[in-house]
């Protein structure tokens, strides 16, 4: 299996896990979630995902450390876009 394929698979698994975590927070009407990079997560995929969050309007990412970040979003703006 190529390194590029492994990285893509790792990115997809990581983003699915974080998307589920965000969805659970939204279901509870929470507008922030702390996300963690696990040891098995590719650090490059982690950075890519956080960078993509940072590019979204009404979303902010506060990096707590190399493997932790607080992702927050504006509830009113998010609901209006839905």
C-alpha atoms as a PDB file:
ATOM      1  CA  UNK A   1       0.000   0.000   0.000  1.00  0.00           C
ATOM      2  CA  UNK A   2       1.442   3.368  -0.976  1.00  0.00           C
ATOM      3  CA  UNK A   3       2.224   6.074   1.574  1.00  0.00           C
ATOM      4  CA  UNK A   4      -0.094   8.470  -0.242  1.00  0.00           C
ATOM      5  CA  UNK A   5      -2.999   5.997   0.008  1.00  0.00           C
ATOM      6  CA  UNK A   6      -2.318   5.421   3.717  1.00  0.00           C
ATOM      7  CA  UNK A   7      -2.297   9.177   4.343  1.00  0.00           C
ATOM      8  CA  UNK A   8      -5.585   9.615   2.475  1.00  0.00           C
ATOM      9  CA  UNK A   9      -7.182   6.772   4.431  1.00  0.00           C
ATOM     10  CA  UNK A  10      -5.889   8.222   7.682  1.00  0.00           C
ATOM     11  CA  UNK A  11      -7.286  11.655   6.776  1.00  0.00           C
ATOM     12  CA  UNK A  12     -10.697  10.203   5.933  1.00  0.00           C
ATOM     13  CA  UNK A  13     -10.857   8.211   9.163  1.00  0.00           C
ATOM     14  CA  UNK A  14      -9.768  11.217  11.195  1.00  0.00           C
ATOM     15  CA  UNK A  15     -12.290  13.583   9.618  1.00  0.00           C
ATOM     16  CA  UNK A  16     -15.137  11.080  10.021  1.00  0.00           C
ATOM     17  CA  UNK A  17     -14.326  10.688  13.710  1.00  0.00           C
ATOM     18  CA  UNK A  18     -14.184  14.451  14.276  1.00  0.00           C
ATOM     19  CA  UNK A  19     -17.351  15.056  12.224  1.00  0.00           C
ATOM     20  CA  UNK A  20     -19.216  12.578  14.424  1.00  0.00           C
ATOM     21  CA  UNK A  21     -17.923  14.344  17.520  1.00  0.00           C
ATOM     22  CA  UNK A  22     -19.074  17.736  16.185  1.00  0.00           C
ATOM     23  CA  UNK A  23     -22.474  16.311  15.209  1.00  0.00           C
ATOM     24  CA  UNK A  24     -22.987  14.981  18.741  1.00  0.00           C
ATOM     25  CA  UNK A  25     -22.122  18.414  20.161  1.00  0.00           C
ATOM     26  CA  UNK A  26     -24.566  20.128  17.793  1.00  0.00           C
ATOM     27  CA  UNK A  27     -27.283  17.635  18.764  1.00  0.00           C
ATOM     28  CA  UNK A  28     -26.784  18.783  22.372  1.00  0.00           C
ATOM     29  CA  UNK A  29     -26.870  22.408  21.191  1.00  0.00           C
ATOM     30  CA  UNK A  30     -23.218  22.904  22.073  1.00  0.00           C
ATOM     31  CA  UNK A  31     -21.139  25.090  19.806  1.00  0.00           C
ATOM     32  CA  UNK A  32     -17.670  24.044  20.807  1.00  0.00           C
ATOM     33  CA  UNK A  33     -15.802  20.780  20.927  1.00  0.00           C
ATOM     34  CA  UNK A  34     -12.309  19.803  21.995  1.00  0.00           C
ATOM     35  CA  UNK A  35     -10.716  17.460  19.486  1.00  0.00           C
ATOM     36  CA  UNK A  36      -7.690  15.271  20.030  1.00  0.00           C
ATOM     37  CA  UNK A  37      -5.137  13.677  17.733  1.00  0.00           C
ATOM     38  CA  UNK A  38      -4.635  10.071  18.745  1.00  0.00           C
ATOM     39  CA  UNK A  39      -1.237   8.401  18.474  1.00  0.00           C
ATOM     40  CA  UNK A  40      -2.399   6.417  15.445  1.00  0.00           C
ATOM     41  CA  UNK A  41      -3.563   9.582  13.608  1.00  0.00           C
ATOM     42  CA  UNK A  42      -1.270  10.908  10.920  1.00  0.00           C
ATOM     43  CA  UNK A  43       0.117  14.297  12.070  1.00  0.00           C
ATOM     44  CA  UNK A  44      -0.067  15.602   8.487  1.00  0.00           C
ATOM     45  CA  UNK A  45      -3.740  14.620   8.232  1.00  0.00           C
ATOM     46  CA  UNK A  46      -4.367  16.308  11.601  1.00  0.00           C
ATOM     47  CA  UNK A  47      -2.809  19.576  10.407  1.00  0.00           C
ATOM     48  CA  UNK A  48      -4.701  19.413   7.122  1.00  0.00           C
ATOM     49  CA  UNK A  49      -8.005  18.954   8.928  1.00  0.00           C
ATOM     50  CA  UNK A  50      -7.378  21.821  11.353  1.00  0.00           C
ATOM     51  CA  UNK A  51      -6.286  24.096   8.512  1.00  0.00           C
ATOM     52  CA  UNK A  52      -9.502  23.306   6.648  1.00  0.00           C
ATOM     53  CA  UNK A  53     -11.552  24.147   9.750  1.00  0.00           C
ATOM     54  CA  UNK A  54      -9.671  27.436  10.068  1.00  0.00           C
ATOM     55  CA  UNK A  55     -10.667  28.368   6.516  1.00  0.00           C
ATOM     56  CA  UNK A  56     -14.391  28.023   7.296  1.00  0.00           C
ATOM     57  CA  UNK A  57     -16.362  31.164   7.956  1.00  0.00           C
ATOM     58  CA  UNK A  58     -17.781  31.402  11.501  1.00  0.00           C
ATOM     59  CA  UNK A  59     -15.475  28.634  12.775  1.00  0.00           C
ATOM     60  CA  UNK A  60     -12.447  29.180  14.960  1.00  0.00           C
ATOM     61  CA  UNK A  61      -9.738  26.782  15.986  1.00  0.00           C
ATOM     62  CA  UNK A  62      -7.698  27.362  19.129  1.00  0.00           C
ATOM     63  CA  UNK A  63      -4.774  24.990  19.235  1.00  0.00           C
ATOM     64  CA  UNK A  64      -4.159  23.894  22.788  1.00  0.00           C
ATOM     65  CA  UNK A  65      -1.127  21.787  21.986  1.00  0.00           C
ATOM     66  CA  UNK A  66       0.289  19.585  19.257  1.00  0.00           C
ATOM     67  CA  UNK A  67      -2.516  17.058  19.671  1.00  0.00           C
ATOM     68  CA  UNK A  68      -5.465  19.072  20.979  1.00  0.00           C
ATOM     69  CA  UNK A  69      -7.627  21.892  19.650  1.00  0.00           C
ATOM     70  CA  UNK A  70     -10.813  23.671  20.603  1.00  0.00           C
ATOM     71  CA  UNK A  71     -13.143  24.094  17.620  1.00  0.00           C
ATOM     72  CA  UNK A  72     -15.945  26.619  18.077  1.00  0.00           C
ATOM     73  CA  UNK A  73     -18.587  27.899  15.715  1.00  0.00           C
ATOM     74  CA  UNK A  74     -21.166  30.655  15.672  1.00  0.00           C
ATOM     75  CA  UNK A  75     -24.508  28.973  16.312  1.00  0.00           C
ATOM     76  CA  UNK A  76     -26.666  31.644  14.670  1.00  0.00           C
ATOM     77  CA  UNK A  77     -24.588  31.712  11.483  1.00  0.00           C
ATOM     78  CA  UNK A  78     -24.380  27.924  11.311  1.00  0.00           C
ATOM     79  CA  UNK A  79     -28.136  27.467  11.715  1.00  0.00           C
ATOM     80  CA  UNK A  80     -28.884  30.168   9.113  1.00  0.00           C
ATOM     81  CA  UNK A  81     -26.688  28.339   6.585  1.00  0.00           C
ATOM     82  CA  UNK A  82     -28.482  25.012   7.186  1.00  0.00           C
END
